[in-house]
């Protein structure tokens, strides 16, 4: 559904599109459609987007926006990320309103996962 002046689509870099599809399907249940060898579109529960072929990575230290996921169970989500080839780049920490951790996907892109509970 398109809503006037809302974020509608998200695009991220990916070195390996097939590995990206495998990782995000296994960890977050995303569905994918390939558009040629250079682009892979995804559908999530709340947003759509895509990965474009690139040797670059999206990281906060490079000035990139941080994509943050929500989880009811941080430990379970963290285990799925590591089991499927992701790397925890910042261990769980508390902040006003909950707890979160940061991870790098198999392309080196940085993401975060948060929950309402203090860990």
PDB file of N, CA and C in Angstrom:
ATOM      1  N   UNK A   1       0.841  -1.172   0.000  1.00  0.00           N
ATOM      2  CA  UNK A   1       0.000   0.000   0.000  1.00  0.00           C
ATOM      3  C   UNK A   1       0.890   1.239   0.000  1.00  0.00           C
ATOM      4  N   UNK A   2       0.598   2.152  -0.878  1.00  0.00           N
ATOM      5  CA  UNK A   2       1.349   3.398  -0.943  1.00  0.00           C
ATOM      6  C   UNK A   2       0.659   4.452  -0.079  1.00  0.00           C
ATOM      7  N   UNK A   3       1.418   5.076   0.790  1.00  0.00           N
ATOM      8  CA  UNK A   3       0.892   6.133   1.646  1.00  0.00           C
ATOM      9  C   UNK A   3       1.698   7.388   1.355  1.00  0.00           C
ATOM     10  N   UNK A   4       1.020   8.459   1.034  1.00  0.00           N
ATOM     11  CA  UNK A   4       1.648   9.720   0.658  1.00  0.00           C
ATOM     12  C   UNK A   4       2.758  10.120   1.623  1.00  0.00           C
ATOM     13  N   UNK A   5       3.927  10.374   1.078  1.00  0.00           N
ATOM     14  CA  UNK A   5       5.113  10.868   1.779  1.00  0.00           C
ATOM     15  C   UNK A   5       5.607   9.954   2.902  1.00  0.00           C
ATOM     16  N   UNK A   6       5.403   8.653   2.742  1.00  0.00           N
ATOM     17  CA  UNK A   6       5.941   7.685   3.704  1.00  0.00           C
ATOM     18  C   UNK A   6       7.085   6.925   3.044  1.00  0.00           C
ATOM     19  N   UNK A   7       7.944   6.314   3.852  1.00  0.00           N
ATOM     20  CA  UNK A   7       8.999   5.475   3.296  1.00  0.00           C
ATOM     21  C   UNK A   7       8.323   4.287   2.635  1.00  0.00           C
ATOM     22  N   UNK A   8       8.669   4.050   1.379  1.00  0.00           N
ATOM     23  CA  UNK A   8       7.963   3.052   0.587  1.00  0.00           C
ATOM     24  C   UNK A   8       8.842   1.897   0.146  1.00  0.00           C
ATOM     25  N   UNK A   9      10.150   2.125   0.017  1.00  0.00           N
ATOM     26  CA  UNK A   9      11.030   1.106  -0.554  1.00  0.00           C
ATOM     27  C   UNK A   9      12.439   1.358  -0.040  1.00  0.00           C
ATOM     28  N   UNK A  10      13.184   0.303   0.152  1.00  0.00           N
ATOM     29  CA  UNK A  10      14.525   0.383   0.708  1.00  0.00           C
ATOM     30  C   UNK A  10      15.475  -0.377  -0.206  1.00  0.00           C
ATOM     31  N   UNK A  11      16.608   0.216  -0.579  1.00  0.00           N
ATOM     32  CA  UNK A  11      17.603  -0.474  -1.409  1.00  0.00           C
ATOM     33  C   UNK A  11      18.941  -0.537  -0.691  1.00  0.00           C
ATOM     34  N   UNK A  12      19.570  -1.718  -0.755  1.00  0.00           N
ATOM     35  CA  UNK A  12      20.821  -1.974  -0.051  1.00  0.00           C
ATOM     36  C   UNK A  12      21.831  -2.631  -0.982  1.00  0.00           C
ATOM     37  N   UNK A  13      23.130  -2.425  -0.723  1.00  0.00           N
ATOM     38  CA  UNK A  13      24.157  -3.077  -1.529  1.00  0.00           C
ATOM     39  C   UNK A  13      24.330  -4.539  -1.129  1.00  0.00           C
ATOM     40  N   UNK A  14      24.784  -5.355  -2.080  1.00  0.00           N
ATOM     41  CA  UNK A  14      25.056  -6.772  -1.804  1.00  0.00           C
ATOM     42  C   UNK A  14      26.154  -7.268  -2.736  1.00  0.00           C
ATOM     43  N   UNK A  15      27.176  -7.876  -2.150  1.00  0.00           N
ATOM     44  CA  UNK A  15      28.258  -8.469  -2.945  1.00  0.00           C
ATOM     45  C   UNK A  15      27.801  -9.764  -3.593  1.00  0.00           C
ATOM     46  N   UNK A  16      26.999 -10.552  -2.877  1.00  0.00           N
ATOM     47  CA  UNK A  16      26.572 -11.878  -3.330  1.00  0.00           C
ATOM     48  C   UNK A  16      25.058 -11.973  -3.180  1.00  0.00           C
ATOM     49  N   UNK A  17      24.342 -11.823  -4.283  1.00  0.00           N
ATOM     50  CA  UNK A  17      22.883 -11.802  -4.223  1.00  0.00           C
ATOM     51  C   UNK A  17      22.287 -13.135  -3.791  1.00  0.00           C
ATOM     52  N   UNK A  18      22.826 -14.245  -4.241  1.00  0.00           N
ATOM     53  CA  UNK A  18      22.294 -15.562  -3.861  1.00  0.00           C
ATOM     54  C   UNK A  18      22.462 -15.791  -2.351  1.00  0.00           C
ATOM     55  N   UNK A  19      23.650 -15.483  -1.825  1.00  0.00           N
ATOM     56  CA  UNK A  19      23.888 -15.636  -0.384  1.00  0.00           C
ATOM     57  C   UNK A  19      22.997 -14.688   0.412  1.00  0.00           C
ATOM     58  N   UNK A  20      22.744 -13.510  -0.119  1.00  0.00           N
ATOM     59  CA  UNK A  20      21.856 -12.542   0.529  1.00  0.00           C
ATOM     60  C   UNK A  20      20.448 -13.101   0.627  1.00  0.00           C
ATOM     61  N   UNK A  21      19.958 -13.684  -0.462  1.00  0.00           N
ATOM     62  CA  UNK A  21      18.632 -14.293  -0.462  1.00  0.00           C
ATOM     63  C   UNK A  21      18.549 -15.424   0.564  1.00  0.00           C
ATOM     64  N   UNK A  22      19.554 -16.262   0.599  1.00  0.00           N
ATOM     65  CA  UNK A  22      19.576 -17.379   1.546  1.00  0.00           C
ATOM     66  C   UNK A  22      19.566 -16.872   2.988  1.00  0.00           C
ATOM     67  N   UNK A  23      20.399 -15.881   3.300  1.00  0.00           N
ATOM     68  CA  UNK A  23      20.508 -15.336   4.653  1.00  0.00           C
ATOM     69  C   UNK A  23      19.184 -14.724   5.121  1.00  0.00           C
ATOM     70  N   UNK A  24      18.636 -13.777   4.362  1.00  0.00           N
ATOM     71  CA  UNK A  24      17.440 -13.067   4.812  1.00  0.00           C
ATOM     72  C   UNK A  24      16.185 -13.945   4.767  1.00  0.00           C
ATOM     73  N   UNK A  25      16.149 -14.928   3.895  1.00  0.00           N
ATOM     74  CA  UNK A  25      15.036 -15.886   3.897  1.00  0.00           C
ATOM     75  C   UNK A  25      15.066 -16.722   5.169  1.00  0.00           C
ATOM     76  N   UNK A  26      16.253 -17.202   5.537  1.00  0.00           N
ATOM     77  CA  UNK A  26      16.387 -18.065   6.712  1.00  0.00           C
ATOM     78  C   UNK A  26      16.178 -17.306   8.017  1.00  0.00           C
ATOM     79  N   UNK A  27      16.706 -16.101   8.112  1.00  0.00           N
ATOM     80  CA  UNK A  27      16.645 -15.353   9.376  1.00  0.00           C
ATOM     81  C   UNK A  27      15.315 -14.633   9.556  1.00  0.00           C
ATOM     82  N   UNK A  28      14.842 -13.939   8.535  1.00  0.00           N
ATOM     83  CA  UNK A  28      13.661 -13.081   8.680  1.00  0.00           C
ATOM     84  C   UNK A  28      12.453 -13.511   7.847  1.00  0.00           C
ATOM     85  N   UNK A  29      12.585 -14.574   7.059  1.00  0.00           N
ATOM     86  CA  UNK A  29      11.463 -15.068   6.280  1.00  0.00           C
ATOM     87  C   UNK A  29      11.098 -14.221   5.070  1.00  0.00           C
ATOM     88  N   UNK A  30      12.049 -13.421   4.559  1.00  0.00           N
ATOM     89  CA  UNK A  30      11.767 -12.581   3.405  1.00  0.00           C
ATOM     90  C   UNK A  30      11.539 -13.416   2.160  1.00  0.00           C
ATOM     91  N   UNK A  31      10.724 -12.921   1.253  1.00  0.00           N
ATOM     92  CA  UNK A  31      10.471 -13.508  -0.064  1.00  0.00           C
ATOM     93  C   UNK A  31      11.211 -12.662  -1.102  1.00  0.00           C
ATOM     94  N   UNK A  32      11.759 -13.319  -2.120  1.00  0.00           N
ATOM     95  CA  UNK A  32      12.588 -12.620  -3.111  1.00  0.00           C
ATOM     96  C   UNK A  32      12.146 -12.885  -4.538  1.00  0.00           C
ATOM     97  N   UNK A  33      12.421 -11.903  -5.408  1.00  0.00           N
ATOM     98  CA  UNK A  33      12.261 -12.031  -6.854  1.00  0.00           C
ATOM     99  C   UNK A  33      13.509 -11.431  -7.483  1.00  0.00           C
ATOM    100  N   UNK A  34      14.196 -12.210  -8.332  1.00  0.00           N
ATOM    101  CA  UNK A  34      15.391 -11.721  -9.033  1.00  0.00           C
ATOM    102  C   UNK A  34      14.974 -10.971 -10.290  1.00  0.00           C
ATOM    103  N   UNK A  35      15.608  -9.838 -10.511  1.00  0.00           N
ATOM    104  CA  UNK A  35      15.425  -9.058 -11.732  1.00  0.00           C
ATOM    105  C   UNK A  35      16.782  -8.967 -12.408  1.00  0.00           C
ATOM    106  N   UNK A  36      17.147 -10.027 -13.103  1.00  0.00           N
ATOM    107  CA  UNK A  36      18.452 -10.097 -13.746  1.00  0.00           C
ATOM    108  C   UNK A  36      19.528 -10.481 -12.750  1.00  0.00           C
ATOM    109  N   UNK A  37      20.769 -10.379 -13.183  1.00  0.00           N
ATOM    110  CA  UNK A  37      21.918 -10.783 -12.363  1.00  0.00           C
ATOM    111  C   UNK A  37      22.382  -9.700 -11.400  1.00  0.00           C
ATOM    112  N   UNK A  38      21.820  -8.504 -11.498  1.00  0.00           N
ATOM    113  CA  UNK A  38      22.314  -7.367 -10.720  1.00  0.00           C
ATOM    114  C   UNK A  38      21.343  -6.850  -9.656  1.00  0.00           C
ATOM    115  N   UNK A  39      20.123  -7.431  -9.576  1.00  0.00           N
ATOM    116  CA  UNK A  39      19.129  -6.884  -8.648  1.00  0.00           C
ATOM    117  C   UNK A  39      18.229  -7.980  -8.103  1.00  0.00           C
ATOM    118  N   UNK A  40      17.948  -7.885  -6.806  1.00  0.00           N
ATOM    119  CA  UNK A  40      17.125  -8.862  -6.113  1.00  0.00           C
ATOM    120  C   UNK A  40      16.138  -8.105  -5.226  1.00  0.00           C
ATOM    121  N   UNK A  41      14.846  -8.178  -5.544  1.00  0.00           N
ATOM    122  CA  UNK A  41      13.819  -7.483  -4.770  1.00  0.00           C
ATOM    123  C   UNK A  41      13.337  -8.375  -3.630  1.00  0.00           C
ATOM    124  N   UNK A  42      12.962  -7.756  -2.502  1.00  0.00           N
ATOM    125  CA  UNK A  42      12.435  -8.531  -1.375  1.00  0.00           C
ATOM    126  C   UNK A  42      11.119  -7.955  -0.887  1.00  0.00           C
ATOM    127  N   UNK A  43      10.355  -8.819  -0.243  1.00  0.00           N
ATOM    128  CA  UNK A  43       9.125  -8.427   0.430  1.00  0.00           C
ATOM    129  C   UNK A  43       9.227  -8.907   1.866  1.00  0.00           C
ATOM    130  N   UNK A  44       9.009  -7.985   2.792  1.00  0.00           N
ATOM    131  CA  UNK A  44       9.003  -8.262   4.222  1.00  0.00           C
ATOM    132  C   UNK A  44       7.562  -8.058   4.693  1.00  0.00           C
ATOM    133  N   UNK A  45       7.326  -8.263   5.966  1.00  0.00           N
ATOM    134  CA  UNK A  45       5.987  -8.071   6.531  1.00  0.00           C
ATOM    135  C   UNK A  45       5.541  -6.610   6.473  1.00  0.00           C
ATOM    136  N   UNK A  46       6.515  -5.683   6.535  1.00  0.00           N
ATOM    137  CA  UNK A  46       6.163  -4.278   6.666  1.00  0.00           C
ATOM    138  C   UNK A  46       6.742  -3.364   5.591  1.00  0.00           C
ATOM    139  N   UNK A  47       7.679  -3.845   4.783  1.00  0.00           N
ATOM    140  CA  UNK A  47       8.306  -2.986   3.776  1.00  0.00           C
ATOM    141  C   UNK A  47       8.824  -3.833   2.626  1.00  0.00           C
ATOM    142  N   UNK A  48       8.945  -3.204   1.486  1.00  0.00           N
ATOM    143  CA  UNK A  48       9.549  -3.853   0.335  1.00  0.00           C
ATOM    144  C   UNK A  48      10.855  -3.146   0.009  1.00  0.00           C
ATOM    145  N   UNK A  49      11.726  -3.850  -0.691  1.00  0.00           N
ATOM    146  CA  UNK A  49      12.993  -3.251  -1.061  1.00  0.00           C
ATOM    147  C   UNK A  49      13.755  -4.148  -1.998  1.00  0.00           C
ATOM    148  N   UNK A  50      15.040  -3.862  -2.104  1.00  0.00           N
ATOM    149  CA  UNK A  50      15.864  -4.658  -2.987  1.00  0.00           C
ATOM    150  C   UNK A  50      17.332  -4.549  -2.632  1.00  0.00           C
ATOM    151  N   UNK A  51      18.099  -5.472  -3.178  1.00  0.00           N
ATOM    152  CA  UNK A  51      19.548  -5.470  -3.068  1.00  0.00           C
ATOM    153  C   UNK A  51      20.118  -5.310  -4.463  1.00  0.00           C
ATOM    154  N   UNK A  52      21.048  -4.378  -4.626  1.00  0.00           N
ATOM    155  CA  UNK A  52      21.716  -4.177  -5.902  1.00  0.00           C
ATOM    156  C   UNK A  52      23.152  -4.679  -5.784  1.00  0.00           C
ATOM    157  N   UNK A  53      23.673  -5.221  -6.845  1.00  0.00           N
ATOM    158  CA  UNK A  53      25.027  -5.770  -6.875  1.00  0.00           C
ATOM    159  C   UNK A  53      26.029  -4.649  -6.635  1.00  0.00           C
ATOM    160  N   UNK A  54      26.870  -4.820  -5.599  1.00  0.00           N
ATOM    161  CA  UNK A  54      27.854  -3.802  -5.244  1.00  0.00           C
ATOM    162  C   UNK A  54      28.910  -4.400  -4.338  1.00  0.00           C
ATOM    163  N   UNK A  55      30.133  -3.920  -4.442  1.00  0.00           N
ATOM    164  CA  UNK A  55      31.195  -4.321  -3.525  1.00  0.00           C
ATOM    165  C   UNK A  55      31.223  -3.451  -2.273  1.00  0.00           C
ATOM    166  N   UNK A  56      30.366  -2.447  -2.200  1.00  0.00           N
ATOM    167  CA  UNK A  56      30.292  -1.562  -1.037  1.00  0.00           C
ATOM    168  C   UNK A  56      29.381  -2.166   0.027  1.00  0.00           C
ATOM    169  N   UNK A  57      29.484  -1.662   1.256  1.00  0.00           N
ATOM    170  CA  UNK A  57      28.624  -2.097   2.356  1.00  0.00           C
ATOM    171  C   UNK A  57      28.035  -0.876   3.050  1.00  0.00           C
ATOM    172  N   UNK A  58      26.840  -1.031   3.589  1.00  0.00           N
ATOM    173  CA  UNK A  58      26.137   0.025   4.296  1.00  0.00           C
ATOM    174  C   UNK A  58      26.428  -0.085   5.788  1.00  0.00           C
ATOM    175  N   UNK A  59      27.187   0.902   6.310  1.00  0.00           N
ATOM    176  CA  UNK A  59      27.546   0.905   7.729  1.00  0.00           C
ATOM    177  C   UNK A  59      27.354   2.302   8.315  1.00  0.00           C
ATOM    178  N   UNK A  60      26.950   2.336   9.561  1.00  0.00           N
ATOM    179  CA  UNK A  60      26.755   3.610  10.254  1.00  0.00           C
ATOM    180  C   UNK A  60      28.053   4.415  10.271  1.00  0.00           C
ATOM    181  N   UNK A  61      29.183   3.751  10.425  1.00  0.00           N
ATOM    182  CA  UNK A  61      30.471   4.449  10.467  1.00  0.00           C
ATOM    183  C   UNK A  61      30.793   5.149   9.152  1.00  0.00           C
ATOM    184  N   UNK A  62      30.134   4.741   8.068  1.00  0.00           N
ATOM    185  CA  UNK A  62      30.308   5.390   6.765  1.00  0.00           C
ATOM    186  C   UNK A  62      29.214   6.430   6.506  1.00  0.00           C
ATOM    187  N   UNK A  63      28.356   6.656   7.492  1.00  0.00           N
ATOM    188  CA  UNK A  63      27.285   7.638   7.345  1.00  0.00           C
ATOM    189  C   UNK A  63      25.976   7.072   6.843  1.00  0.00           C
ATOM    190  N   UNK A  64      25.863   5.751   6.745  1.00  0.00           N
ATOM    191  CA  UNK A  64      24.634   5.120   6.257  1.00  0.00           C
ATOM    192  C   UNK A  64      23.537   5.163   7.316  1.00  0.00           C
ATOM    193  N   UNK A  65      22.302   5.117   6.848  1.00  0.00           N
ATOM    194  CA  UNK A  65      21.172   4.978   7.764  1.00  0.00           C
ATOM    195  C   UNK A  65      21.201   3.574   8.363  1.00  0.00           C
ATOM    196  N   UNK A  66      20.717   3.430   9.575  1.00  0.00           N
ATOM    197  CA  UNK A  66      20.679   2.136  10.243  1.00  0.00           C
ATOM    198  C   UNK A  66      19.281   1.553  10.127  1.00  0.00           C
ATOM    199  N   UNK A  67      19.177   0.371   9.526  1.00  0.00           N
ATOM    200  CA  UNK A  67      17.911  -0.348   9.442  1.00  0.00           C
ATOM    201  C   UNK A  67      17.791  -1.167  10.727  1.00  0.00           C
ATOM    202  N   UNK A  68      16.675  -0.980  11.445  1.00  0.00           N
ATOM    203  CA  UNK A  68      16.488  -1.624  12.744  1.00  0.00           C
ATOM    204  C   UNK A  68      15.274  -2.547  12.688  1.00  0.00           C
ATOM    205  N   UNK A  69      15.483  -3.816  13.051  1.00  0.00           N
ATOM    206  CA  UNK A  69      14.426  -4.819  13.130  1.00  0.00           C
ATOM    207  C   UNK A  69      13.896  -4.864  14.558  1.00  0.00           C
ATOM    208  N   UNK A  70      12.654  -5.328  14.727  1.00  0.00           N
ATOM    209  CA  UNK A  70      12.107  -5.586  16.052  1.00  0.00           C
ATOM    210  C   UNK A  70      12.049  -7.098  16.261  1.00  0.00           C
ATOM    211  N   UNK A  71      12.299  -7.551  17.496  1.00  0.00           N
ATOM    212  CA  UNK A  71      12.204  -8.967  17.843  1.00  0.00           C
ATOM    213  C   UNK A  71      11.569  -9.117  19.216  1.00  0.00           C
ATOM    214  N   UNK A  72      10.725 -10.132  19.364  1.00  0.00           N
ATOM    215  CA  UNK A  72      10.191 -10.472  20.679  1.00  0.00           C
ATOM    216  C   UNK A  72      11.228 -11.209  21.513  1.00  0.00           C
ATOM    217  N   UNK A  73      12.259 -11.772  20.855  1.00  0.00           N
ATOM    218  CA  UNK A  73      13.260 -12.583  21.546  1.00  0.00           C
ATOM    219  C   UNK A  73      14.636 -12.320  20.938  1.00  0.00           C
ATOM    220  N   UNK A  74      15.394 -11.407  21.542  1.00  0.00           N
ATOM    221  CA  UNK A  74      16.704 -11.025  21.004  1.00  0.00           C
ATOM    222  C   UNK A  74      17.653 -12.211  20.872  1.00  0.00           C
ATOM    223  N   UNK A  75      17.695 -13.060  21.891  1.00  0.00           N
ATOM    224  CA  UNK A  75      18.627 -14.190  21.871  1.00  0.00           C
ATOM    225  C   UNK A  75      18.332 -15.123  20.699  1.00  0.00           C
ATOM    226  N   UNK A  76      17.073 -15.433  20.477  1.00  0.00           N
ATOM    227  CA  UNK A  76      16.682 -16.313  19.373  1.00  0.00           C
ATOM    228  C   UNK A  76      17.055 -15.700  18.019  1.00  0.00           C
ATOM    229  N   UNK A  77      16.766 -14.413  17.845  1.00  0.00           N
ATOM    230  CA  UNK A  77      17.102 -13.738  16.593  1.00  0.00           C
ATOM    231  C   UNK A  77      18.612 -13.685  16.400  1.00  0.00           C
ATOM    232  N   UNK A  78      19.341 -13.400  17.457  1.00  0.00           N
ATOM    233  CA  UNK A  78      20.802 -13.360  17.396  1.00  0.00           C
ATOM    234  C   UNK A  78      21.360 -14.723  16.975  1.00  0.00           C
ATOM    235  N   UNK A  79      20.824 -15.791  17.521  1.00  0.00           N
ATOM    236  CA  UNK A  79      21.284 -17.140  17.163  1.00  0.00           C
ATOM    237  C   UNK A  79      21.014 -17.449  15.696  1.00  0.00           C
ATOM    238  N   UNK A  80      19.855 -17.055  15.168  1.00  0.00           N
ATOM    239  CA  UNK A  80      19.548 -17.284  13.754  1.00  0.00           C
ATOM    240  C   UNK A  80      20.512 -16.511  12.856  1.00  0.00           C
ATOM    241  N   UNK A  81      20.845 -15.297  13.254  1.00  0.00           N
ATOM    242  CA  UNK A  81      21.774 -14.481  12.471  1.00  0.00           C
ATOM    243  C   UNK A  81      23.138 -15.161  12.392  1.00  0.00           C
ATOM    244  N   UNK A  82      23.673 -15.574  13.527  1.00  0.00           N
ATOM    245  CA  UNK A  82      24.997 -16.202  13.570  1.00  0.00           C
ATOM    246  C   UNK A  82      24.985 -17.551  12.851  1.00  0.00           C
ATOM    247  N   UNK A  83      23.968 -18.360  13.076  1.00  0.00           N
ATOM    248  CA  UNK A  83      23.850 -19.673  12.427  1.00  0.00           C
ATOM    249  C   UNK A  83      23.855 -19.551  10.906  1.00  0.00           C
ATOM    250  N   UNK A  84      23.311 -18.454  10.390  1.00  0.00           N
ATOM    251  CA  UNK A  84      23.198 -18.276   8.949  1.00  0.00           C
ATOM    252  C   UNK A  84      24.296 -17.402   8.348  1.00  0.00           C
ATOM    253  N   UNK A  85      25.381 -17.168   9.094  1.00  0.00           N
ATOM    254  CA  UNK A  85      26.549 -16.492   8.535  1.00  0.00           C
ATOM    255  C   UNK A  85      26.715 -15.034   8.872  1.00  0.00           C
ATOM    256  N   UNK A  86      25.793 -14.457   9.650  1.00  0.00           N
ATOM    257  CA  UNK A  86      25.947 -13.070  10.072  1.00  0.00           C
ATOM    258  C   UNK A  86      26.923 -12.961  11.234  1.00  0.00           C
ATOM    259  N   UNK A  87      27.343 -11.734  11.533  1.00  0.00           N
ATOM    260  CA  UNK A  87      28.300 -11.472  12.608  1.00  0.00           C
ATOM    261  C   UNK A  87      27.719 -10.436  13.563  1.00  0.00           C
ATOM    262  N   UNK A  88      27.790 -10.705  14.853  1.00  0.00           N
ATOM    263  CA  UNK A  88      27.347  -9.720  15.845  1.00  0.00           C
ATOM    264  C   UNK A  88      28.452  -8.673  15.962  1.00  0.00           C
ATOM    265  N   UNK A  89      28.145  -7.439  15.632  1.00  0.00           N
ATOM    266  CA  UNK A  89      29.149  -6.371  15.661  1.00  0.00           C
ATOM    267  C   UNK A  89      29.077  -5.529  16.928  1.00  0.00           C
ATOM    268  N   UNK A  90      27.953  -5.564  17.623  1.00  0.00           N
ATOM    269  CA  UNK A  90      27.803  -4.885  18.913  1.00  0.00           C
ATOM    270  C   UNK A  90      26.860  -5.722  19.752  1.00  0.00           C
ATOM    271  N   UNK A  91      27.356  -6.215  20.869  1.00  0.00           N
ATOM    272  CA  UNK A  91      26.564  -7.074  21.757  1.00  0.00           C
ATOM    273  C   UNK A  91      25.356  -6.318  22.299  1.00  0.00           C
ATOM    274  N   UNK A  92      24.430  -7.045  22.878  1.00  0.00           N
ATOM    275  CA  UNK A  92      23.199  -6.477  23.422  1.00  0.00           C
ATOM    276  C   UNK A  92      23.529  -5.392  24.451  1.00  0.00           C
ATOM    277  N   UNK A  93      22.846  -4.266  24.321  1.00  0.00           N
ATOM    278  CA  UNK A  93      22.985  -3.171  25.292  1.00  0.00           C
ATOM    279  C   UNK A  93      21.606  -2.569  25.537  1.00  0.00           C
ATOM    280  N   UNK A  94      21.449  -1.972  26.709  1.00  0.00           N
ATOM    281  CA  UNK A  94      20.185  -1.345  27.081  1.00  0.00           C
ATOM    282  C   UNK A  94      20.184   0.113  26.653  1.00  0.00           C
ATOM    283  N   UNK A  95      19.006   0.607  26.363  1.00  0.00           N
ATOM    284  CA  UNK A  95      18.798   2.023  26.071  1.00  0.00           C
ATOM    285  C   UNK A  95      17.408   2.367  26.580  1.00  0.00           C
ATOM    286  N   UNK A  96      17.074   3.653  26.745  1.00  0.00           N
ATOM    287  CA  UNK A  96      15.731   3.995  27.204  1.00  0.00           C
ATOM    288  C   UNK A  96      14.690   3.407  26.248  1.00  0.00           C
ATOM    289  N   UNK A  97      13.851   2.531  26.770  1.00  0.00           N
ATOM    290  CA  UNK A  97      12.824   1.916  25.939  1.00  0.00           C
ATOM    291  C   UNK A  97      13.083   0.477  25.576  1.00  0.00           C
ATOM    292  N   UNK A  98      14.276  -0.062  25.896  1.00  0.00           N
ATOM    293  CA  UNK A  98      14.520  -1.460  25.572  1.00  0.00           C
ATOM    294  C   UNK A  98      15.980  -1.829  25.483  1.00  0.00           C
ATOM    295  N   UNK A  99      16.266  -2.830  24.640  1.00  0.00           N
ATOM    296  CA  UNK A  99      17.624  -3.327  24.426  1.00  0.00           C
ATOM    297  C   UNK A  99      17.790  -3.623  22.945  1.00  0.00           C
ATOM    298  N   UNK A 100      19.056  -3.620  22.490  1.00  0.00           N
ATOM    299  CA  UNK A 100      19.309  -3.964  21.101  1.00  0.00           C
ATOM    300  C   UNK A 100      20.737  -4.442  20.910  1.00  0.00           C
ATOM    301  N   UNK A 101      20.976  -5.027  19.739  1.00  0.00           N
ATOM    302  CA  UNK A 101      22.321  -5.381  19.315  1.00  0.00           C
ATOM    303  C   UNK A 101      22.449  -5.032  17.838  1.00  0.00           C
ATOM    304  N   UNK A 102      23.695  -4.949  17.370  1.00  0.00           N
ATOM    305  CA  UNK A 102      23.956  -4.682  15.957  1.00  0.00           C
ATOM    306  C   UNK A 102      24.596  -5.912  15.339  1.00  0.00           C
ATOM    307  N   UNK A 103      24.347  -6.112  14.035  1.00  0.00           N
ATOM    308  CA  UNK A 103      24.974  -7.217  13.329  1.00  0.00           C
ATOM    309  C   UNK A 103      25.332  -6.809  11.914  1.00  0.00           C
ATOM    310  N   UNK A 104      26.246  -7.581  11.325  1.00  0.00           N
ATOM    311  CA  UNK A 104      26.613  -7.424   9.925  1.00  0.00           C
ATOM    312  C   UNK A 104      26.068  -8.632   9.183  1.00  0.00           C
ATOM    313  N   UNK A 105      25.391  -8.378   8.057  1.00  0.00           N
ATOM    314  CA  UNK A 105      24.927  -9.498   7.245  1.00  0.00           C
ATOM    315  C   UNK A 105      26.113 -10.082   6.477  1.00  0.00           C
ATOM    316  N   UNK A 106      25.879 -11.026   5.611  1.00  0.00           N
ATOM    317  CA  UNK A 106      26.959 -11.698   4.898  1.00  0.00           C
ATOM    318  C   UNK A 106      27.668 -10.778   3.896  1.00  0.00           C
ATOM    319  N   UNK A 107      27.095  -9.602   3.632  1.00  0.00           N
ATOM    320  CA  UNK A 107      27.714  -8.611   2.748  1.00  0.00           C
ATOM    321  C   UNK A 107      28.499  -7.555   3.508  1.00  0.00           C
ATOM    322  N   UNK A 108      28.392  -7.564   4.843  1.00  0.00           N
ATOM    323  CA  UNK A 108      29.033  -6.533   5.650  1.00  0.00           C
ATOM    324  C   UNK A 108      28.133  -5.347   5.935  1.00  0.00           C
ATOM    325  N   UNK A 109      26.855  -5.406   5.528  1.00  0.00           N
ATOM    326  CA  UNK A 109      25.904  -4.334   5.837  1.00  0.00           C
ATOM    327  C   UNK A 109      25.532  -4.396   7.314  1.00  0.00           C
ATOM    328  N   UNK A 110      25.466  -3.236   7.946  1.00  0.00           N
ATOM    329  CA  UNK A 110      25.145  -3.163   9.375  1.00  0.00           C
ATOM    330  C   UNK A 110      23.642  -2.979   9.588  1.00  0.00           C
ATOM    331  N   UNK A 111      23.091  -3.741  10.522  1.00  0.00           N
ATOM    332  CA  UNK A 111      21.697  -3.660  10.932  1.00  0.00           C
ATOM    333  C   UNK A 111      21.651  -3.710  12.460  1.00  0.00           C
ATOM    334  N   UNK A 112      20.481  -3.432  13.026  1.00  0.00           N
ATOM    335  CA  UNK A 112      20.270  -3.586  14.465  1.00  0.00           C
ATOM    336  C   UNK A 112      18.960  -4.326  14.691  1.00  0.00           C
ATOM    337  N   UNK A 113      18.849  -4.934  15.867  1.00  0.00           N
ATOM    338  CA  UNK A 113      17.620  -5.597  16.287  1.00  0.00           C
ATOM    339  C   UNK A 113      17.326  -5.127  17.708  1.00  0.00           C
ATOM    340  N   UNK A 114      16.085  -4.720  17.967  1.00  0.00           N
ATOM    341  CA  UNK A 114      15.738  -4.243  19.302  1.00  0.00           C
ATOM    342  C   UNK A 114      14.522  -4.977  19.842  1.00  0.00           C
ATOM    343  N   UNK A 115      14.355  -4.867  21.167  1.00  0.00           N
ATOM    344  CA  UNK A 115      13.175  -5.380  21.844  1.00  0.00           C
ATOM    345  C   UNK A 115      12.804  -4.402  22.951  1.00  0.00           C
ATOM    346  N   UNK A 116      11.596  -4.482  23.457  1.00  0.00           N
ATOM    347  CA  UNK A 116      11.121  -3.566  24.491  1.00  0.00           C
ATOM    348  C   UNK A 116      11.701  -3.863  25.861  1.00  0.00           C
ATOM    349  N   UNK A 117      12.067  -5.123  26.106  1.00  0.00           N
ATOM    350  CA  UNK A 117      12.580  -5.502  27.420  1.00  0.00           C
ATOM    351  C   UNK A 117      14.043  -5.073  27.588  1.00  0.00           C
ATOM    352  N   UNK A 118      14.383  -4.716  28.827  1.00  0.00           N
ATOM    353  CA  UNK A 118      15.776  -4.442  29.161  1.00  0.00           C
ATOM    354  C   UNK A 118      16.491  -5.775  29.327  1.00  0.00           C
ATOM    355  N   UNK A 119      17.619  -5.953  28.731  1.00  0.00           N
ATOM    356  CA  UNK A 119      18.389  -7.214  28.815  1.00  0.00           C
ATOM    357  C   UNK A 119      19.518  -7.065  29.812  1.00  0.00           C
TER     358      UNK A 119
END
